[in-house]
């Protein structure tokens, strides 16, 4: 059966797919998420993933990919805070700032090539891998056909591959598709099929939408800072009042002592 493996943590296999019931966004909560520091760090992660990817020697390719590979990059960027009109308890108009975050997801997909089993000579485990690769590509082709024909039903649930890629076609994404073919006449059927697949994909129209959401994390940090500042200010004011109280009490004592001394001198 189809399974999803984390190439940054190969021991994690058969990772489940989660879909947001409200937005339909797809995620892999069981996969490792790494915060990229810089370009060198990104390249290092790519090399680790590529090193963990399984390849095998077949009659068609000395290093045949035995799986599809997907790189998911999540980008979050804070946007200038928008000002919204608000009213306080005295019904006086005020301005409140709403922290927003703009988010996007970049998918870089390397699809394993469709295998003609009579040509590749795959046997045993390689044969099973080839079958699942071909089935997932067939499911992807069905989705592309349905989208190109504006069908009301898109069979994205037929394969884990199409479930993962549902955001990339027929949605609000910018999608680029690169197909590769070979010059050999021996592979004429595969070349024709690949070109037709690309032509059908060109008919799909995506409507790009800007995705912004309320940045609760940023707001929490902002409110936490405000709470700390106000707490410190209260402590400062309390200490100031205590200091002023001490000074007033001292002045009162001094005044009282002076009064008693003056009264004493007056009597004598």
Foldseek 3Di string as FASTA:
>chain_A
DDKDAALLDRVDIRFDWDADPVPRDIDGVVYDDDDADDDVSVVVSVVSSVVSFQFDCWLVHRTFGLFKDKDKDKDKDKDPWDWDWDADPVRDIDIDTFTKIWIDMDIDIDQGDQDDCVRRVDDDPSVVSNVLSNQVVVLVLQQLQCQLVVNPDRPQVSDPVSSNCVCPFLEQHDHDDDFDDDPDPVCVVSRVVRVVSVVSNVSHDYHHDTDMDGDVVVVVVVVVVVVVVVVVVVVVVVVVVVVVVVVVVVVVVVVVVVVVVVVVVVVD
